[in-house]
């Protein structure tokens, strides 16, 4: 949706579980997009690496 993952690093110890799906960038509402167009990480157009980098900065292991 164009959001930056940079705020994830501020969550810190509150981040204890991560579930990730990728998707093509499309102009759909979130529900339709999530239900019908999810892919495995790396198969879509999300910044998967940037997302997980921020998770690691937050202390997620």
Protein backbone atom coordinates (compact mmCIF):
# COMPACT_ATOMS: atom_id res chain seq x y z
CA UNK A 1 0.00 0.00 0.00
CA UNK A 2 3.06 2.24 -0.16
CA UNK A 3 3.64 2.44 3.59
CA UNK A 4 7.19 2.55 4.89
CA UNK A 5 8.31 -0.29 7.18
CA UNK A 6 10.60 2.06 9.15
CA UNK A 7 8.17 2.35 12.10
CA UNK A 8 8.51 -1.37 12.84
CA UNK A 9 11.94 -0.83 14.45
CA UNK A 10 10.29 1.36 17.10
CA UNK A 11 8.07 -1.51 18.31
CA UNK A 12 10.99 -3.25 20.03
CA UNK A 13 10.17 -6.13 22.39
CA UNK A 14 6.46 -5.94 21.53
CA UNK A 15 7.22 -7.68 18.23
CA UNK A 16 7.12 -11.42 18.92
CA UNK A 17 5.47 -13.02 15.86
CA UNK A 18 5.75 -12.16 12.16
CA UNK A 19 3.70 -13.62 9.33
CA UNK A 20 4.68 -12.41 5.89
CA UNK A 21 3.00 -12.71 2.51
CA UNK A 22 3.99 -10.89 -0.66
CA UNK A 23 1.68 -9.56 -3.36
CA UNK A 24 1.70 -7.70 -6.65
CA UNK A 25 1.16 -3.96 -6.30
CA UNK A 26 -2.44 -3.38 -7.33
CA UNK A 27 -5.07 -0.72 -6.76
CA UNK A 28 -7.49 -2.89 -4.75
CA UNK A 29 -9.02 -2.57 -1.30
CA UNK A 30 -7.02 -4.36 1.39
CA UNK A 31 -9.46 -7.24 1.89
CA UNK A 32 -9.66 -8.22 -1.80
CA UNK A 33 -5.94 -7.76 -2.17
CA UNK A 34 -5.09 -9.93 0.85
CA UNK A 35 -7.61 -12.68 0.09
CA UNK A 36 -7.02 -13.11 -3.64
CA UNK A 37 -3.52 -11.91 -4.48
CA UNK A 38 -1.08 -13.08 -1.81
CA UNK A 39 2.18 -14.79 -2.79
CA UNK A 40 5.13 -16.32 -1.01
CA UNK A 41 7.76 -13.78 0.10
CA UNK A 42 9.86 -12.76 -2.89
CA UNK A 43 7.18 -13.61 -5.48
CA UNK A 44 5.43 -10.24 -5.40
CA UNK A 45 6.47 -6.62 -5.39
CA UNK A 46 6.68 -5.77 -1.68
CA UNK A 47 9.98 -4.70 -0.13
CA UNK A 48 10.34 -7.99 1.75
CA UNK A 49 14.01 -7.44 2.59
CA UNK A 50 13.34 -3.93 3.91
CA UNK A 51 10.44 -5.23 5.99
CA UNK A 52 12.52 -7.94 7.64
CA UNK A 53 15.47 -5.58 8.16
CA UNK A 54 13.18 -3.39 10.25
CA UNK A 55 11.93 -6.45 12.17
CA UNK A 56 15.52 -7.38 13.01
CA UNK A 57 16.26 -3.79 14.13
CA UNK A 58 13.29 -4.10 16.50
CA UNK A 59 14.97 -7.13 18.08
CA UNK A 60 12.92 -9.88 16.41
CA UNK A 61 14.74 -13.18 16.26
